[in-house]
């Protein structure tokens, strides 16, 4: 296994899956780290699509272009 920069061992996801690590910063500046998750690629795509649909950046872009 390869060594990560922070010293943990990396592992490969199974066929059709992805290893995902999520880090989020909330409105108060707190950072939330979630453990590595092995998830189906389709679930990853759906989750990212939902986050993009609900993002304030996407809403602002739609308001500017007049498509909302």
PDB file of N, CA and C in Angstrom:
ATOM      1  N   UNK A   1       0.831  -1.187   0.000  1.00  0.00           N
ATOM      2  CA  UNK A   1       0.000   0.000   0.000  1.00  0.00           C
ATOM      3  C   UNK A   1       0.871   1.244   0.000  1.00  0.00           C
ATOM      4  N   UNK A   2       0.384   2.282  -0.626  1.00  0.00           N
ATOM      5  CA  UNK A   2       1.123   3.541  -0.668  1.00  0.00           C
ATOM      6  C   UNK A   2       0.951   4.298   0.644  1.00  0.00           C
ATOM      7  N   UNK A   3       1.911   5.112   0.959  1.00  0.00           N
ATOM      8  CA  UNK A   3       1.871   5.914   2.178  1.00  0.00           C
ATOM      9  C   UNK A   3       1.335   7.307   1.831  1.00  0.00           C
ATOM     10  N   UNK A   4       0.337   7.749   2.575  1.00  0.00           N
ATOM     11  CA  UNK A   4      -0.173   9.110   2.383  1.00  0.00           C
ATOM     12  C   UNK A   4       0.770  10.108   3.025  1.00  0.00           C
ATOM     13  N   UNK A   5       0.567  11.387   2.686  1.00  0.00           N
ATOM     14  CA  UNK A   5       1.404  12.433   3.268  1.00  0.00           C
ATOM     15  C   UNK A   5       1.310  12.465   4.787  1.00  0.00           C
ATOM     16  N   UNK A   6       0.128  12.198   5.339  1.00  0.00           N
ATOM     17  CA  UNK A   6      -0.045  12.286   6.785  1.00  0.00           C
ATOM     18  C   UNK A   6       0.272  10.973   7.488  1.00  0.00           C
ATOM     19  N   UNK A   7       0.798   9.999   6.765  1.00  0.00           N
ATOM     20  CA  UNK A   7       1.289   8.787   7.379  1.00  0.00           C
ATOM     21  C   UNK A   7       0.336   7.611   7.395  1.00  0.00           C
ATOM     22  N   UNK A   8      -0.910   7.799   6.967  1.00  0.00           N
ATOM     23  CA  UNK A   8      -1.832   6.663   6.938  1.00  0.00           C
ATOM     24  C   UNK A   8      -1.637   5.874   5.656  1.00  0.00           C
ATOM     25  N   UNK A   9      -2.008   4.639   5.693  1.00  0.00           N
ATOM     26  CA  UNK A   9      -1.928   3.786   4.497  1.00  0.00           C
ATOM     27  C   UNK A   9      -3.140   4.053   3.609  1.00  0.00           C
ATOM     28  N   UNK A  10      -2.922   4.090   2.302  1.00  0.00           N
ATOM     29  CA  UNK A  10      -4.033   4.227   1.367  1.00  0.00           C
ATOM     30  C   UNK A  10      -4.495   2.842   0.961  1.00  0.00           C
ATOM     31  N   UNK A  11      -5.727   2.769   0.546  1.00  0.00           N
ATOM     32  CA  UNK A  11      -6.243   1.509   0.039  1.00  0.00           C
ATOM     33  C   UNK A  11      -7.035   1.800  -1.217  1.00  0.00           C
ATOM     34  N   UNK A  12      -7.211   0.805  -2.030  1.00  0.00           N
ATOM     35  CA  UNK A  12      -7.942   0.969  -3.280  1.00  0.00           C
ATOM     36  C   UNK A  12      -9.393   0.544  -3.074  1.00  0.00           C
ATOM     37  N   UNK A  13     -10.291   1.257  -3.727  1.00  0.00           N
ATOM     38  CA  UNK A  13     -11.708   0.908  -3.667  1.00  0.00           C
ATOM     39  C   UNK A  13     -11.970  -0.305  -4.555  1.00  0.00           C
ATOM     40  N   UNK A  14     -13.037  -1.016  -4.227  1.00  0.00           N
ATOM     41  CA  UNK A  14     -13.440  -2.153  -5.055  1.00  0.00           C
ATOM     42  C   UNK A  14     -13.941  -1.643  -6.408  1.00  0.00           C
ATOM     43  N   UNK A  15     -14.037  -2.533  -7.357  1.00  0.00           N
ATOM     44  CA  UNK A  15     -14.547  -2.214  -8.697  1.00  0.00           C
ATOM     45  C   UNK A  15     -15.948  -1.603  -8.567  1.00  0.00           C
ATOM     46  N   UNK A  16     -16.156  -0.437  -9.185  1.00  0.00           N
ATOM     47  CA  UNK A  16     -17.465   0.219  -9.167  1.00  0.00           C
ATOM     48  C   UNK A  16     -17.714   1.070  -7.938  1.00  0.00           C
ATOM     49  N   UNK A  17     -16.720   1.177  -7.063  1.00  0.00           N
ATOM     50  CA  UNK A  17     -16.846   1.952  -5.832  1.00  0.00           C
ATOM     51  C   UNK A  17     -15.782   3.045  -5.807  1.00  0.00           C
ATOM     52  N   UNK A  18     -15.963   4.018  -4.925  1.00  0.00           N
ATOM     53  CA  UNK A  18     -14.975   5.072  -4.738  1.00  0.00           C
ATOM     54  C   UNK A  18     -14.745   5.261  -3.247  1.00  0.00           C
ATOM     55  N   UNK A  19     -13.526   5.604  -2.886  1.00  0.00           N
ATOM     56  CA  UNK A  19     -13.227   5.974  -1.508  1.00  0.00           C
ATOM     57  C   UNK A  19     -13.366   7.486  -1.416  1.00  0.00           C
ATOM     58  N   UNK A  20     -14.190   7.943  -0.491  1.00  0.00           N
ATOM     59  CA  UNK A  20     -14.513   9.360  -0.382  1.00  0.00           C
ATOM     60  C   UNK A  20     -14.186   9.849   1.021  1.00  0.00           C
ATOM     61  N   UNK A  21     -13.536  10.987   1.116  1.00  0.00           N
ATOM     62  CA  UNK A  21     -13.301  11.660   2.384  1.00  0.00           C
ATOM     63  C   UNK A  21     -13.970  13.016   2.300  1.00  0.00           C
ATOM     64  N   UNK A  22     -14.774  13.344   3.286  1.00  0.00           N
ATOM     65  CA  UNK A  22     -15.521  14.601   3.266  1.00  0.00           C
ATOM     66  C   UNK A  22     -15.013  15.503   4.385  1.00  0.00           C
ATOM     67  N   UNK A  23     -14.735  16.753   4.020  1.00  0.00           N
ATOM     68  CA  UNK A  23     -14.391  17.790   4.984  1.00  0.00           C
ATOM     69  C   UNK A  23     -15.288  18.976   4.678  1.00  0.00           C
ATOM     70  N   UNK A  24     -15.956  19.483   5.691  1.00  0.00           N
ATOM     71  CA  UNK A  24     -16.886  20.599   5.491  1.00  0.00           C
ATOM     72  C   UNK A  24     -16.605  21.691   6.520  1.00  0.00           C
ATOM     73  N   UNK A  25     -16.782  22.947   6.105  1.00  0.00           N
ATOM     74  CA  UNK A  25     -16.646  24.084   7.011  1.00  0.00           C
ATOM     75  C   UNK A  25     -18.016  24.726   7.133  1.00  0.00           C
ATOM     76  N   UNK A  26     -18.512  24.881   8.371  1.00  0.00           N
ATOM     77  CA  UNK A  26     -19.840  25.455   8.561  1.00  0.00           C
ATOM     78  C   UNK A  26     -19.761  26.979   8.654  1.00  0.00           C
ATOM     79  N   UNK A  27     -20.924  27.612   8.845  1.00  0.00           N
ATOM     80  CA  UNK A  27     -21.011  29.076   8.862  1.00  0.00           C
ATOM     81  C   UNK A  27     -20.213  29.687  10.011  1.00  0.00           C
ATOM     82  N   UNK A  28     -19.971  28.935  11.063  1.00  0.00           N
ATOM     83  CA  UNK A  28     -19.214  29.436  12.204  1.00  0.00           C
ATOM     84  C   UNK A  28     -17.718  29.183  12.082  1.00  0.00           C
ATOM     85  N   UNK A  29     -17.304  28.600  10.966  1.00  0.00           N
ATOM     86  CA  UNK A  29     -15.894  28.342  10.739  1.00  0.00           C
ATOM     87  C   UNK A  29     -15.406  27.016  11.286  1.00  0.00           C
ATOM     88  N   UNK A  30     -16.310  26.218  11.869  1.00  0.00           N
ATOM     89  CA  UNK A  30     -15.902  24.916  12.371  1.00  0.00           C
ATOM     90  C   UNK A  30     -15.716  23.951  11.209  1.00  0.00           C
ATOM     91  N   UNK A  31     -14.674  23.147  11.281  1.00  0.00           N
ATOM     92  CA  UNK A  31     -14.378  22.179  10.236  1.00  0.00           C
ATOM     93  C   UNK A  31     -14.813  20.801  10.722  1.00  0.00           C
ATOM     94  N   UNK A  32     -15.574  20.108   9.885  1.00  0.00           N
ATOM     95  CA  UNK A  32     -16.064  18.778  10.195  1.00  0.00           C
ATOM     96  C   UNK A  32     -15.401  17.788   9.250  1.00  0.00           C
ATOM     97  N   UNK A  33     -14.718  16.800   9.805  1.00  0.00           N
ATOM     98  CA  UNK A  33     -14.057  15.762   9.020  1.00  0.00           C
ATOM     99  C   UNK A  33     -14.836  14.467   9.199  1.00  0.00           C
ATOM    100  N   UNK A  34     -15.090  13.789   8.109  1.00  0.00           N
ATOM    101  CA  UNK A  34     -15.782  12.500   8.156  1.00  0.00           C
ATOM    102  C   UNK A  34     -14.811  11.412   7.736  1.00  0.00           C
ATOM    103  N   UNK A  35     -14.938  10.259   8.351  1.00  0.00           N
ATOM    104  CA  UNK A  35     -14.068   9.141   8.017  1.00  0.00           C
ATOM    105  C   UNK A  35     -14.218   8.760   6.549  1.00  0.00           C
ATOM    106  N   UNK A  36     -13.209   8.098   6.034  1.00  0.00           N
ATOM    107  CA  UNK A  36     -13.234   7.628   4.648  1.00  0.00           C
ATOM    108  C   UNK A  36     -14.404   6.668   4.456  1.00  0.00           C
ATOM    109  N   UNK A  37     -15.151   6.873   3.380  1.00  0.00           N
ATOM    110  CA  UNK A  37     -16.337   6.083   3.076  1.00  0.00           C
ATOM    111  C   UNK A  37     -16.122   5.389   1.744  1.00  0.00           C
ATOM    112  N   UNK A  38     -16.405   4.105   1.678  1.00  0.00           N
ATOM    113  CA  UNK A  38     -16.398   3.402   0.400  1.00  0.00           C
ATOM    114  C   UNK A  38     -17.850   3.339  -0.071  1.00  0.00           C
ATOM    115  N   UNK A  39     -18.115   3.965  -1.206  1.00  0.00           N
ATOM    116  CA  UNK A  39     -19.489   4.081  -1.685  1.00  0.00           C
ATOM    117  C   UNK A  39     -19.555   3.767  -3.174  1.00  0.00           C
ATOM    118  N   UNK A  40     -20.696   3.283  -3.646  1.00  0.00           N
ATOM    119  CA  UNK A  40     -20.830   3.044  -5.084  1.00  0.00           C
ATOM    120  C   UNK A  40     -20.663   4.357  -5.867  1.00  0.00           C
ATOM    121  N   UNK A  41     -20.032   4.273  -7.020  1.00  0.00           N
ATOM    122  CA  UNK A  41     -19.797   5.464  -7.853  1.00  0.00           C
ATOM    123  C   UNK A  41     -21.114   6.194  -8.143  1.00  0.00           C
ATOM    124  N   UNK A  42     -22.179   5.459  -8.434  1.00  0.00           N
ATOM    125  CA  UNK A  42     -23.468   6.089  -8.724  1.00  0.00           C
ATOM    126  C   UNK A  42     -23.983   6.911  -7.560  1.00  0.00           C
ATOM    127  N   UNK A  43     -23.813   6.406  -6.348  1.00  0.00           N
ATOM    128  CA  UNK A  43     -24.240   7.154  -5.157  1.00  0.00           C
ATOM    129  C   UNK A  43     -23.424   8.430  -4.997  1.00  0.00           C
ATOM    130  N   UNK A  44     -22.142   8.340  -5.285  1.00  0.00           N
ATOM    131  CA  UNK A  44     -21.281   9.516  -5.220  1.00  0.00           C
ATOM    132  C   UNK A  44     -21.750  10.573  -6.215  1.00  0.00           C
ATOM    133  N   UNK A  45     -22.025  10.169  -7.437  1.00  0.00           N
ATOM    134  CA  UNK A  45     -22.492  11.110  -8.459  1.00  0.00           C
ATOM    135  C   UNK A  45     -23.797  11.766  -8.036  1.00  0.00           C
ATOM    136  N   UNK A  46     -24.737  10.965  -7.501  1.00  0.00           N
ATOM    137  CA  UNK A  46     -26.024  11.508  -7.070  1.00  0.00           C
ATOM    138  C   UNK A  46     -25.858  12.497  -5.924  1.00  0.00           C
ATOM    139  N   UNK A  47     -25.016  12.162  -4.956  1.00  0.00           N
ATOM    140  CA  UNK A  47     -24.807  13.045  -3.809  1.00  0.00           C
ATOM    141  C   UNK A  47     -24.201  14.380  -4.233  1.00  0.00           C
ATOM    142  N   UNK A  48     -23.225  14.333  -5.125  1.00  0.00           N
ATOM    143  CA  UNK A  48     -22.602  15.573  -5.603  1.00  0.00           C
ATOM    144  C   UNK A  48     -23.611  16.392  -6.406  1.00  0.00           C
ATOM    145  N   UNK A  49     -24.428  15.734  -7.207  1.00  0.00           N
ATOM    146  CA  UNK A  49     -25.450  16.448  -7.981  1.00  0.00           C
ATOM    147  C   UNK A  49     -26.442  17.148  -7.061  1.00  0.00           C
ATOM    148  N   UNK A  50     -26.863  16.487  -5.995  1.00  0.00           N
ATOM    149  CA  UNK A  50     -27.796  17.096  -5.038  1.00  0.00           C
ATOM    150  C   UNK A  50     -27.147  18.302  -4.375  1.00  0.00           C
ATOM    151  N   UNK A  51     -25.885  18.176  -3.975  1.00  0.00           N
ATOM    152  CA  UNK A  51     -25.197  19.312  -3.346  1.00  0.00           C
ATOM    153  C   UNK A  51     -25.070  20.475  -4.319  1.00  0.00           C
ATOM    154  N   UNK A  52     -24.800  20.191  -5.589  1.00  0.00           N
ATOM    155  CA  UNK A  52     -24.694  21.257  -6.578  1.00  0.00           C
ATOM    156  C   UNK A  52     -26.043  21.935  -6.796  1.00  0.00           C
ATOM    157  N   UNK A  53     -27.113  21.160  -6.822  1.00  0.00           N
ATOM    158  CA  UNK A  53     -28.446  21.731  -7.008  1.00  0.00           C
ATOM    159  C   UNK A  53     -28.822  22.672  -5.879  1.00  0.00           C
ATOM    160  N   UNK A  54     -28.381  22.360  -4.676  1.00  0.00           N
ATOM    161  CA  UNK A  54     -28.741  23.151  -3.506  1.00  0.00           C
ATOM    162  C   UNK A  54     -27.686  24.178  -3.122  1.00  0.00           C
ATOM    163  N   UNK A  55     -26.634  24.309  -3.894  1.00  0.00           N
ATOM    164  CA  UNK A  55     -25.569  25.241  -3.524  1.00  0.00           C
ATOM    165  C   UNK A  55     -25.984  26.675  -3.815  1.00  0.00           C
ATOM    166  N   UNK A  56     -25.517  27.574  -2.980  1.00  0.00           N
ATOM    167  CA  UNK A  56     -25.833  28.995  -3.184  1.00  0.00           C
ATOM    168  C   UNK A  56     -25.147  29.529  -4.434  1.00  0.00           C
ATOM    169  N   UNK A  57     -23.994  28.976  -4.782  1.00  0.00           N
ATOM    170  CA  UNK A  57     -23.305  29.395  -6.002  1.00  0.00           C
ATOM    171  C   UNK A  57     -24.120  29.081  -7.245  1.00  0.00           C
ATOM    172  N   UNK A  58     -24.735  27.906  -7.270  1.00  0.00           N
ATOM    173  CA  UNK A  58     -25.578  27.520  -8.399  1.00  0.00           C
ATOM    174  C   UNK A  58     -26.799  28.417  -8.483  1.00  0.00           C
ATOM    175  N   UNK A  59     -27.422  28.713  -7.335  1.00  0.00           N
ATOM    176  CA  UNK A  59     -28.589  29.582  -7.308  1.00  0.00           C
ATOM    177  C   UNK A  59     -28.236  30.967  -7.840  1.00  0.00           C
ATOM    178  N   UNK A  60     -27.087  31.503  -7.425  1.00  0.00           N
ATOM    179  CA  UNK A  60     -26.666  32.821  -7.881  1.00  0.00           C
ATOM    180  C   UNK A  60     -26.419  32.834  -9.387  1.00  0.00           C
ATOM    181  N   UNK A  61     -25.804  31.777  -9.896  1.00  0.00           N
ATOM    182  CA  UNK A  61     -25.531  31.702 -11.341  1.00  0.00           C
ATOM    183  C   UNK A  61     -26.835  31.672 -12.138  1.00  0.00           C
ATOM    184  N   UNK A  62     -27.828  30.949 -11.623  1.00  0.00           N
ATOM    185  CA  UNK A  62     -29.109  30.886 -12.320  1.00  0.00           C
ATOM    186  C   UNK A  62     -29.834  32.229 -12.280  1.00  0.00           C
ATOM    187  N   UNK A  63     -29.731  32.931 -11.160  1.00  0.00           N
ATOM    188  CA  UNK A  63     -30.383  34.261 -11.062  1.00  0.00           C
ATOM    189  C   UNK A  63     -29.741  35.222 -12.051  1.00  0.00           C
ATOM    190  N   UNK A  64     -28.411  35.172 -12.168  1.00  0.00           N
ATOM    191  CA  UNK A  64     -27.701  36.080 -13.079  1.00  0.00           C
ATOM    192  C   UNK A  64     -28.055  35.802 -14.530  1.00  0.00           C
ATOM    193  N   UNK A  65     -28.242  34.538 -14.876  1.00  0.00           N
ATOM    194  CA  UNK A  65     -28.534  34.200 -16.274  1.00  0.00           C
ATOM    195  C   UNK A  65     -30.025  34.272 -16.574  1.00  0.00           C
ATOM    196  N   UNK A  66     -30.858  34.408 -15.527  1.00  0.00           N
ATOM    197  CA  UNK A  66     -32.293  34.514 -15.736  1.00  0.00           C
ATOM    198  C   UNK A  66     -32.982  33.205 -16.033  1.00  0.00           C
ATOM    199  N   UNK A  67     -32.357  32.057 -15.710  1.00  0.00           N
ATOM    200  CA  UNK A  67     -32.956  30.759 -16.013  1.00  0.00           C
ATOM    201  C   UNK A  67     -33.664  30.157 -14.808  1.00  0.00           C
ATOM    202  N   UNK A  68     -33.651  30.816 -13.662  1.00  0.00           N
ATOM    203  CA  UNK A  68     -34.271  30.234 -12.457  1.00  0.00           C
ATOM    204  C   UNK A  68     -35.754  30.510 -12.426  1.00  0.00           C
TER     205      UNK A  68
END
